[in-house]
Amino acid sequence: EKGLTPLPIIAMTANAMAGDRMKCLDAGMDDYLSKP
């Protein structure tokens, strides 16, 4: 809405299932690191 340059967002979560990774992408996150 504001015409801003995208700010990189890296997900950090204990979820490691393929569906969770896709959920991160669908939400607009750029990358994914699983815990640990």
Full PDB file with SEQRES, HELIX, SHEET, SSBOND, CRYST1, ORIGX, SCALE, CONECT and MASTER records, all heavy atoms in Angstrom:
SEQRES   1 A   36  GLU LYS GLY LEU THR PRO LEU PRO ILE ILE ALA MET THR          
SEQRES   2 A   36  ALA ASN ALA MET ALA GLY ASP ARG MET LYS CYS LEU ASP          
SEQRES   3 A   36  ALA GLY MET ASP ASP TYR LEU SER LYS PRO                      
HELIX    1 AA1 ALA A   18  ALA A   27  1                                  10    
SHEET    1 AA1 2 ILE A  10  THR A  13  0                                        
SHEET    2 AA1 2 ASP A  31  SER A  34  1                                        
CRYST1    1.000    1.000    1.000  90.00  90.00  90.00 P 1           1          
ORIGX1      1.000000  0.000000  0.000000        0.00000                         
ORIGX2      0.000000  1.000000  0.000000        0.00000                         
ORIGX3      0.000000  0.000000  1.000000        0.00000                         
SCALE1      1.000000  0.000000  0.000000        0.00000                         
SCALE2      0.000000  1.000000  0.000000        0.00000                         
SCALE3      0.000000  0.000000  1.000000        0.00000                         
ATOM      1  N   GLU A   1       0.822  -1.212   0.000  1.00  0.00           N  
ATOM      2  CA  GLU A   1       0.000   0.000   0.000  1.00  0.00           C  
ATOM      3  C   GLU A   1       0.858   1.264   0.000  1.00  0.00           C  
ATOM      4  O   GLU A   1       0.491   2.269  -0.617  1.00  0.00           O  
ATOM      5  CB  GLU A   1      -0.918  -0.001   1.220  1.00  0.00           C  
ATOM      6  CG  GLU A   1      -1.994  -1.077   1.187  1.00  0.00           C  
ATOM      7  CD  GLU A   1      -2.789  -1.151   2.480  1.00  0.00           C  
ATOM      8  OE1 GLU A   1      -2.398  -0.453   3.450  1.00  0.00           O  
ATOM      9  OE2 GLU A   1      -3.787  -1.900   2.519  1.00  0.00           O  
ATOM     10  N   LYS A   2       2.003   1.215   0.696  1.00  0.00           N  
ATOM     11  CA  LYS A   2       2.869   2.395   0.825  1.00  0.00           C  
ATOM     12  C   LYS A   2       3.953   2.450  -0.246  1.00  0.00           C  
ATOM     13  O   LYS A   2       4.696   3.427  -0.323  1.00  0.00           O  
ATOM     14  CB  LYS A   2       3.523   2.413   2.208  1.00  0.00           C  
ATOM     15  CG  LYS A   2       2.548   2.385   3.368  1.00  0.00           C  
ATOM     16  CD  LYS A   2       1.743   3.662   3.466  1.00  0.00           C  
ATOM     17  CE  LYS A   2       0.834   3.640   4.694  1.00  0.00           C  
ATOM     18  NZ  LYS A   2       0.050   4.898   4.834  1.00  0.00           N  
ATOM     19  N   GLY A   3       4.062   1.408  -1.073  1.00  0.00           N  
ATOM     20  CA  GLY A   3       5.091   1.386  -2.100  1.00  0.00           C  
ATOM     21  C   GLY A   3       6.492   1.257  -1.537  1.00  0.00           C  
ATOM     22  O   GLY A   3       7.430   1.868  -2.061  1.00  0.00           O  
ATOM     23  N   LEU A   4       6.661   0.460  -0.487  1.00  0.00           N  
ATOM     24  CA  LEU A   4       7.951   0.307   0.173  1.00  0.00           C  
ATOM     25  C   LEU A   4       8.754  -0.838  -0.421  1.00  0.00           C  
ATOM     26  O   LEU A   4       8.200  -1.807  -0.922  1.00  0.00           O  
ATOM     27  CB  LEU A   4       7.750   0.044   1.669  1.00  0.00           C  
ATOM     28  CG  LEU A   4       6.915   1.060   2.445  1.00  0.00           C  
ATOM     29  CD1 LEU A   4       6.816   0.640   3.910  1.00  0.00           C  
ATOM     30  CD2 LEU A   4       7.498   2.453   2.329  1.00  0.00           C  
ATOM     31  N   THR A   5      10.075  -0.722  -0.334  1.00  0.00           N  
ATOM     32  CA  THR A   5      10.950  -1.819  -0.705  1.00  0.00           C  
ATOM     33  C   THR A   5      10.768  -2.945   0.318  1.00  0.00           C  
ATOM     34  O   THR A   5      10.787  -2.679   1.522  1.00  0.00           O  
ATOM     35  CB  THR A   5      12.420  -1.364  -0.705  1.00  0.00           C  
ATOM     36  OG1 THR A   5      12.561  -0.258  -1.602  1.00  0.00           O  
ATOM     37  CG2 THR A   5      13.342  -2.495  -1.136  1.00  0.00           C  
ATOM     38  N   PRO A   6      10.572  -4.191  -0.112  1.00  0.00           N  
ATOM     39  CA  PRO A   6      10.315  -5.285   0.844  1.00  0.00           C  
ATOM     40  C   PRO A   6      11.444  -5.456   1.861  1.00  0.00           C  
ATOM     41  O   PRO A   6      12.623  -5.453   1.514  1.00  0.00           O  
ATOM     42  CB  PRO A   6      10.186  -6.518  -0.055  1.00  0.00           C  
ATOM     43  CG  PRO A   6       9.748  -5.965  -1.374  1.00  0.00           C  
ATOM     44  CD  PRO A   6      10.449  -4.642  -1.512  1.00  0.00           C  
ATOM     45  N   LEU A   7      11.064  -5.607   3.108  1.00  0.00           N  
ATOM     46  CA  LEU A   7      11.998  -5.879   4.191  1.00  0.00           C  
ATOM     47  C   LEU A   7      12.164  -7.389   4.315  1.00  0.00           C  
ATOM     48  O   LEU A   7      11.173  -8.107   4.489  1.00  0.00           O  
ATOM     49  CB  LEU A   7      11.453  -5.297   5.501  1.00  0.00           C  
ATOM     50  CG  LEU A   7      12.253  -5.541   6.780  1.00  0.00           C  
ATOM     51  CD1 LEU A   7      13.618  -4.862   6.693  1.00  0.00           C  
ATOM     52  CD2 LEU A   7      11.475  -5.023   7.987  1.00  0.00           C  
ATOM     53  N   PRO A   8      13.385  -7.932   4.232  1.00  0.00           N  
ATOM     54  CA  PRO A   8      13.568  -9.384   4.335  1.00  0.00           C  
ATOM     55  C   PRO A   8      13.093  -9.919   5.688  1.00  0.00           C  
ATOM     56  O   PRO A   8      13.454  -9.379   6.737  1.00  0.00           O  
ATOM     57  CB  PRO A   8      15.080  -9.561   4.170  1.00  0.00           C  
ATOM     58  CG  PRO A   8      15.527  -8.352   3.417  1.00  0.00           C  
ATOM     59  CD  PRO A   8      14.654  -7.244   3.910  1.00  0.00           C  
ATOM     60  N   ILE A   9      12.298 -10.979   5.655  1.00  0.00           N  
ATOM     61  CA  ILE A   9      11.787 -11.620   6.865  1.00  0.00           C  
ATOM     62  C   ILE A   9      12.147 -13.094   6.812  1.00  0.00           C  
ATOM     63  O   ILE A   9      11.757 -13.806   5.883  1.00  0.00           O  
ATOM     64  CB  ILE A   9      10.271 -11.447   7.002  1.00  0.00           C  
ATOM     65  CG1 ILE A   9       9.912  -9.952   7.099  1.00  0.00           C  
ATOM     66  CG2 ILE A   9       9.749 -12.191   8.230  1.00  0.00           C  
ATOM     67  CD1 ILE A   9       8.415  -9.680   7.165  1.00  0.00           C  
ATOM     68  N   ILE A  10      12.894 -13.553   7.808  1.00  0.00           N  
ATOM     69  CA  ILE A  10      13.323 -14.938   7.900  1.00  0.00           C  
ATOM     70  C   ILE A  10      12.544 -15.616   9.019  1.00  0.00           C  
ATOM     71  O   ILE A  10      12.577 -15.161  10.171  1.00  0.00           O  
ATOM     72  CB  ILE A  10      14.834 -15.029   8.198  1.00  0.00           C  
ATOM     73  CG1 ILE A  10      15.639 -14.302   7.114  1.00  0.00           C  
ATOM     74  CG2 ILE A  10      15.278 -16.484   8.312  1.00  0.00           C  
ATOM     75  CD1 ILE A  10      17.114 -14.135   7.459  1.00  0.00           C  
ATOM     76  N   ALA A  11      11.839 -16.693   8.692  1.00  0.00           N  
ATOM     77  CA  ALA A  11      11.080 -17.432   9.694  1.00  0.00           C  
ATOM     78  C   ALA A  11      12.032 -18.267  10.551  1.00  0.00           C  
ATOM     79  O   ALA A  11      12.977 -18.869  10.049  1.00  0.00           O  
ATOM     80  CB  ALA A  11      10.056 -18.342   9.022  1.00  0.00           C  
ATOM     81  N   MET A  12      11.766 -18.283  11.861  1.00  0.00           N  
ATOM     82  CA  MET A  12      12.499 -19.149  12.774  1.00  0.00           C  
ATOM     83  C   MET A  12      11.457 -19.890  13.605  1.00  0.00           C  
ATOM     84  O   MET A  12      10.739 -19.287  14.393  1.00  0.00           O  
ATOM     85  CB  MET A  12      13.430 -18.341  13.683  1.00  0.00           C  
ATOM     86  CG  MET A  12      14.523 -17.607  12.932  1.00  0.00           C  
ATOM     87  SD  MET A  12      15.650 -16.731  14.034  1.00  0.00           S  
ATOM     88  CE  MET A  12      16.494 -18.112  14.803  1.00  0.00           C  
ATOM     89  N   THR A  13      11.360 -21.199  13.403  1.00  0.00           N  
ATOM     90  CA  THR A  13      10.302 -21.950  14.056  1.00  0.00           C  
ATOM     91  C   THR A  13      10.716 -23.381  14.296  1.00  0.00           C  
ATOM     92  O   THR A  13      11.591 -23.915  13.613  1.00  0.00           O  
ATOM     93  CB  THR A  13       9.015 -21.926  13.200  1.00  0.00           C  
ATOM     94  OG1 THR A  13       8.008 -22.704  13.825  1.00  0.00           O  
ATOM     95  CG2 THR A  13       9.286 -22.453  11.800  1.00  0.00           C  
ATOM     96  N   ALA A  14      10.069 -24.004  15.278  1.00  0.00           N  
ATOM     97  CA  ALA A  14      10.331 -25.412  15.560  1.00  0.00           C  
ATOM     98  C   ALA A  14       9.614 -26.320  14.567  1.00  0.00           C  
ATOM     99  O   ALA A  14       9.904 -27.503  14.491  1.00  0.00           O  
ATOM    100  CB  ALA A  14       9.889 -25.751  16.986  1.00  0.00           C  
ATOM    101  N   ASN A  15       8.691 -25.774  13.807  1.00  0.00           N  
ATOM    102  CA  ASN A  15       7.967 -26.574  12.816  1.00  0.00           C  
ATOM    103  C   ASN A  15       8.867 -26.854  11.629  1.00  0.00           C  
ATOM    104  O   ASN A  15       9.482 -25.948  11.084  1.00  0.00           O  
ATOM    105  CB  ASN A  15       6.714 -25.841  12.344  1.00  0.00           C  
ATOM    106  CG  ASN A  15       5.725 -25.635  13.480  1.00  0.00           C  
ATOM    107  OD1 ASN A  15       5.674 -26.423  14.414  1.00  0.00           O  
ATOM    108  ND2 ASN A  15       4.949 -24.568  13.400  1.00  0.00           N  
ATOM    109  N   ALA A  16       8.932 -28.107  11.201  1.00  0.00           N  
ATOM    110  CA  ALA A  16       9.831 -28.484  10.106  1.00  0.00           C  
ATOM    111  C   ALA A  16       9.125 -29.279   9.015  1.00  0.00           C  
ATOM    112  O   ALA A  16       9.770 -29.836   8.146  1.00  0.00           O  
ATOM    113  CB  ALA A  16      11.014 -29.287  10.645  1.00  0.00           C  
ATOM    114  N   MET A  17       7.813 -29.336   9.066  1.00  0.00           N  
ATOM    115  CA  MET A  17       7.065 -30.063   8.056  1.00  0.00           C  
ATOM    116  C   MET A  17       7.000 -29.252   6.765  1.00  0.00           C  
ATOM    117  O   MET A  17       7.060 -28.025   6.776  1.00  0.00           O  
ATOM    118  CB  MET A  17       5.654 -30.362   8.548  1.00  0.00           C  
ATOM    119  CG  MET A  17       5.612 -31.168   9.841  1.00  0.00           C  
ATOM    120  SD  MET A  17       6.361 -32.795   9.702  1.00  0.00           S  
ATOM    121  CE  MET A  17       5.154 -33.597   8.631  1.00  0.00           C  
ATOM    122  N   ALA A  18       6.862 -29.968   5.648  1.00  0.00           N  
ATOM    123  CA  ALA A  18       6.808 -29.293   4.347  1.00  0.00           C  
ATOM    124  C   ALA A  18       5.655 -28.291   4.293  1.00  0.00           C  
ATOM    125  O   ALA A  18       5.780 -27.209   3.734  1.00  0.00           O  
ATOM    126  CB  ALA A  18       6.679 -30.323   3.231  1.00  0.00           C  
ATOM    127  N   GLY A  19       4.523 -28.648   4.886  1.00  0.00           N  
ATOM    128  CA  GLY A  19       3.383 -27.746   4.887  1.00  0.00           C  
ATOM    129  C   GLY A  19       3.645 -26.477   5.652  1.00  0.00           C  
ATOM    130  O   GLY A  19       3.161 -25.400   5.273  1.00  0.00           O  
ATOM    131  N   ASP A  20       4.440 -26.568   6.730  1.00  0.00           N  
ATOM    132  CA  ASP A  20       4.779 -25.378   7.504  1.00  0.00           C  
ATOM    133  C   ASP A  20       5.707 -24.463   6.711  1.00  0.00           C  
ATOM    134  O   ASP A  20       5.592 -23.241   6.773  1.00  0.00           O  
ATOM    135  CB  ASP A  20       5.441 -25.781   8.824  1.00  0.00           C  
ATOM    136  CG  ASP A  20       4.495 -26.535   9.731  1.00  0.00           C  
ATOM    137  OD1 ASP A  20       3.357 -26.070   9.912  1.00  0.00           O  
ATOM    138  OD2 ASP A  20       4.886 -27.592  10.247  1.00  0.00           O  
ATOM    139  N   ARG A  21       6.634 -25.047   5.974  1.00  0.00           N  
ATOM    140  CA  ARG A  21       7.529 -24.233   5.151  1.00  0.00           C  
ATOM    141  C   ARG A  21       6.743 -23.489   4.075  1.00  0.00           C  
ATOM    142  O   ARG A  21       6.988 -22.318   3.806  1.00  0.00           O  
ATOM    143  CB  ARG A  21       8.619 -25.114   4.517  1.00  0.00           C  
ATOM    144  CG  ARG A  21       9.551 -25.728   5.550  1.00  0.00           C  
ATOM    145  CD  ARG A  21      10.793 -26.288   4.909  1.00  0.00           C  
ATOM    146  NE  ARG A  21      10.504 -27.437   4.057  1.00  0.00           N  
ATOM    147  CZ  ARG A  21      10.495 -28.691   4.483  1.00  0.00           C  
ATOM    148  NH1 ARG A  21      10.723 -28.961   5.752  1.00  0.00           N  
ATOM    149  NH2 ARG A  21      10.256 -29.675   3.649  1.00  0.00           N  
ATOM    150  N   MET A  22       5.778 -24.173   3.470  1.00  0.00           N  
ATOM    151  CA  MET A  22       4.954 -23.518   2.463  1.00  0.00           C  
ATOM    152  C   MET A  22       4.093 -22.428   3.084  1.00  0.00           C  
ATOM    153  O   MET A  22       3.860 -21.376   2.488  1.00  0.00           O  
ATOM    154  CB  MET A  22       4.071 -24.544   1.756  1.00  0.00           C  
ATOM    155  CG  MET A  22       3.246 -23.951   0.619  1.00  0.00           C  
ATOM    156  SD  MET A  22       4.281 -23.086  -0.630  1.00  0.00           S  
ATOM    157  CE  MET A  22       5.274 -24.461  -1.230  1.00  0.00           C  
ATOM    158  N   LYS A  23       3.648 -22.661   4.320  1.00  0.00           N  
ATOM    159  CA  LYS A  23       2.863 -21.656   5.020  1.00  0.00           C  
ATOM    160  C   LYS A  23       3.670 -20.379   5.231  1.00  0.00           C  
ATOM    161  O   LYS A  23       3.145 -19.275   5.132  1.00  0.00           O  
ATOM    162  CB  LYS A  23       2.380 -22.210   6.365  1.00  0.00           C  
ATOM    163  CG  LYS A  23       1.400 -21.320   7.107  1.00  0.00           C  
ATOM    164  CD  LYS A  23       0.900 -22.005   8.369  1.00  0.00           C  
ATOM    165  CE  LYS A  23      -0.099 -21.114   9.120  1.00  0.00           C  
ATOM    166  NZ  LYS A  23      -0.598 -21.773  10.360  1.00  0.00           N  
ATOM    167  N   CYS A  24       4.969 -20.540   5.512  1.00  0.00           N  
ATOM    168  CA  CYS A  24       5.843 -19.372   5.656  1.00  0.00           C  
ATOM    169  C   CYS A  24       5.936 -18.595   4.351  1.00  0.00           C  
ATOM    170  O   CYS A  24       5.840 -17.363   4.326  1.00  0.00           O  
ATOM    171  CB  CYS A  24       7.236 -19.814   6.111  1.00  0.00           C  
ATOM    172  SG  CYS A  24       7.320 -20.446   7.800  1.00  0.00           S  
ATOM    173  N   LEU A  25       6.150 -19.306   3.258  1.00  0.00           N  
ATOM    174  CA  LEU A  25       6.219 -18.642   1.948  1.00  0.00           C  
ATOM    175  C   LEU A  25       4.912 -17.953   1.602  1.00  0.00           C  
ATOM    176  O   LEU A  25       4.895 -16.818   1.125  1.00  0.00           O  
ATOM    177  CB  LEU A  25       6.563 -19.669   0.859  1.00  0.00           C  
ATOM    178  CG  LEU A  25       8.028 -20.068   0.718  1.00  0.00           C  
ATOM    179  CD1 LEU A  25       8.168 -21.098  -0.397  1.00  0.00           C  
ATOM    180  CD2 LEU A  25       8.893 -18.856   0.433  1.00  0.00           C  
ATOM    181  N   ASP A  26       3.809 -18.631   1.854  1.00  0.00           N  
ATOM    182  CA  ASP A  26       2.501 -18.068   1.529  1.00  0.00           C  
ATOM    183  C   ASP A  26       2.222 -16.805   2.338  1.00  0.00           C  
ATOM    184  O   ASP A  26       1.506 -15.908   1.877  1.00  0.00           O  
ATOM    185  CB  ASP A  26       1.390 -19.093   1.772  1.00  0.00           C  
ATOM    186  CG  ASP A  26       1.420 -20.246   0.776  1.00  0.00           C  
ATOM    187  OD1 ASP A  26       2.050 -20.088  -0.289  1.00  0.00           O  
ATOM    188  OD2 ASP A  26       0.820 -21.301   1.064  1.00  0.00           O  
ATOM    189  N   ALA A  27       2.777 -16.730   3.547  1.00  0.00           N  
ATOM    190  CA  ALA A  27       2.575 -15.553   4.391  1.00  0.00           C  
ATOM    191  C   ALA A  27       3.434 -14.376   3.936  1.00  0.00           C  
ATOM    192  O   ALA A  27       3.216 -13.243   4.374  1.00  0.00           O  
ATOM    193  CB  ALA A  27       2.889 -15.886   5.845  1.00  0.00           C  
ATOM    194  N   GLY A  28       4.427 -14.647   3.054  1.00  0.00           N  
ATOM    195  CA  GLY A  28       5.279 -13.573   2.558  1.00  0.00           C  
ATOM    196  C   GLY A  28       6.676 -13.573   3.132  1.00  0.00           C  
ATOM    197  O   GLY A  28       7.439 -12.634   2.896  1.00  0.00           O  
ATOM    198  N   MET A  29       7.031 -14.616   3.892  1.00  0.00           N  
ATOM    199  CA  MET A  29       8.394 -14.697   4.420  1.00  0.00           C  
ATOM    200  C   MET A  29       9.364 -15.078   3.309  1.00  0.00           C  
ATOM    201  O   MET A  29       8.994 -15.735   2.342  1.00  0.00           O  
ATOM    202  CB  MET A  29       8.455 -15.707   5.565  1.00  0.00           C  
ATOM    203  CG  MET A  29       7.602 -15.314   6.762  1.00  0.00           C  
ATOM    204  SD  MET A  29       7.567 -16.600   8.032  1.00  0.00           S  
ATOM    205  CE  MET A  29       6.496 -15.825   9.264  1.00  0.00           C  
ATOM    206  N   ASP A  30      10.616 -14.658   3.458  1.00  0.00           N  
ATOM    207  CA  ASP A  30      11.606 -14.849   2.404  1.00  0.00           C  
ATOM    208  C   ASP A  30      12.442 -16.115   2.574  1.00  0.00           C  
ATOM    209  O   ASP A  30      12.963 -16.648   1.601  1.00  0.00           O  
ATOM    210  CB  ASP A  30      12.558 -13.644   2.361  1.00  0.00           C  
ATOM    211  CG  ASP A  30      11.828 -12.356   2.052  1.00  0.00           C  
ATOM    212  OD1 ASP A  30      11.450 -12.159   0.891  1.00  0.00           O  
ATOM    213  OD2 ASP A  30      11.622 -11.552   2.978  1.00  0.00           O  
ATOM    214  N   ASP A  31      12.598 -16.568   3.800  1.00  0.00           N  
ATOM    215  CA  ASP A  31      13.497 -17.676   4.073  1.00  0.00           C  
ATOM    216  C   ASP A  31      13.025 -18.376   5.341  1.00  0.00           C  
ATOM    217  O   ASP A  31      12.119 -17.885   6.027  1.00  0.00           O  
ATOM    218  CB  ASP A  31      14.938 -17.157   4.236  1.00  0.00           C  
ATOM    219  CG  ASP A  31      15.988 -18.197   3.860  1.00  0.00           C  
ATOM    220  OD1 ASP A  31      15.628 -19.375   3.725  1.00  0.00           O  
ATOM    221  OD2 ASP A  31      17.162 -17.815   3.716  1.00  0.00           O  
ATOM    222  N   TYR A  32      13.657 -19.505   5.648  1.00  0.00           N  
ATOM    223  CA  TYR A  32      13.175 -20.354   6.736  1.00  0.00           C  
ATOM    224  C   TYR A  32      14.349 -21.020   7.436  1.00  0.00           C  
ATOM    225  O   TYR A  32      15.217 -21.597   6.781  1.00  0.00           O  
ATOM    226  CB  TYR A  32      12.235 -21.408   6.158  1.00  0.00           C  
ATOM    227  CG  TYR A  32      11.710 -22.428   7.131  1.00  0.00           C  
ATOM    228  CD1 TYR A  32      10.453 -22.303   7.687  1.00  0.00           C  
ATOM    229  CD2 TYR A  32      12.470 -23.550   7.473  1.00  0.00           C  
ATOM    230  CE1 TYR A  32       9.954 -23.250   8.565  1.00  0.00           C  
ATOM    231  CE2 TYR A  32      11.984 -24.506   8.361  1.00  0.00           C  
ATOM    232  CZ  TYR A  32      10.731 -24.353   8.900  1.00  0.00           C  
ATOM    233  OH  TYR A  32      10.246 -25.289   9.771  1.00  0.00           O  
ATOM    234  N   LEU A  33      14.402 -20.901   8.759  1.00  0.00           N  
ATOM    235  CA  LEU A  33      15.369 -21.629   9.565  1.00  0.00           C  
ATOM    236  C   LEU A  33      14.594 -22.379  10.634  1.00  0.00           C  
ATOM    237  O   LEU A  33      13.824 -21.782  11.389  1.00  0.00           O  
ATOM    238  CB  LEU A  33      16.357 -20.667  10.243  1.00  0.00           C  
ATOM    239  CG  LEU A  33      17.347 -19.944   9.327  1.00  0.00           C  
ATOM    240  CD1 LEU A  33      18.102 -18.886  10.117  1.00  0.00           C  
ATOM    241  CD2 LEU A  33      18.311 -20.919   8.679  1.00  0.00           C  
ATOM    242  N   SER A  34      14.777 -23.690  10.701  1.00  0.00           N  
ATOM    243  CA  SER A  34      14.068 -24.471  11.708  1.00  0.00           C  
ATOM    244  C   SER A  34      14.909 -24.578  12.970  1.00  0.00           C  
ATOM    245  O   SER A  34      16.137 -24.583  12.930  1.00  0.00           O  
ATOM    246  CB  SER A  34      13.734 -25.860  11.158  1.00  0.00           C  
ATOM    247  OG  SER A  34      14.917 -26.586  10.890  1.00  0.00           O  
ATOM    248  N   LYS A  35      14.229 -24.630  14.102  1.00  0.00           N  
ATOM    249  CA  LYS A  35      14.892 -24.839  15.379  1.00  0.00           C  
ATOM    250  C   LYS A  35      14.982 -26.346  15.638  1.00  0.00           C  
ATOM    251  O   LYS A  35      14.017 -27.054  15.371  1.00  0.00           O  
ATOM    252  CB  LYS A  35      14.099 -24.173  16.502  1.00  0.00           C  
ATOM    253  CG  LYS A  35      13.959 -22.656  16.368  1.00  0.00           C  
ATOM    254  CD  LYS A  35      13.076 -22.115  17.487  1.00  0.00           C  
ATOM    255  CE  LYS A  35      12.836 -20.634  17.334  1.00  0.00           C  
ATOM    256  NZ  LYS A  35      11.909 -20.114  18.369  1.00  0.00           N  
ATOM    257  N   PRO A  36      16.104 -26.818  16.187  1.00  0.00           N  
ATOM    258  CA  PRO A  36      17.312 -26.099  16.585  1.00  0.00           C  
ATOM    259  C   PRO A  36      18.039 -25.465  15.392  1.00  0.00           C  
ATOM    260  O   PRO A  36      18.044 -26.024  14.307  1.00  0.00           O  
ATOM    261  CB  PRO A  36      18.180 -27.164  17.238  1.00  0.00           C  
ATOM    262  CG  PRO A  36      17.248 -28.265  17.601  1.00  0.00           C  
ATOM    263  CD  PRO A  36      16.182 -28.248  16.536  1.00  0.00           C  
TER     264      PRO A  36                                                      
MASTER        0    0    0    1    2    0    0    6  263    1    0    3          
END                                                                             
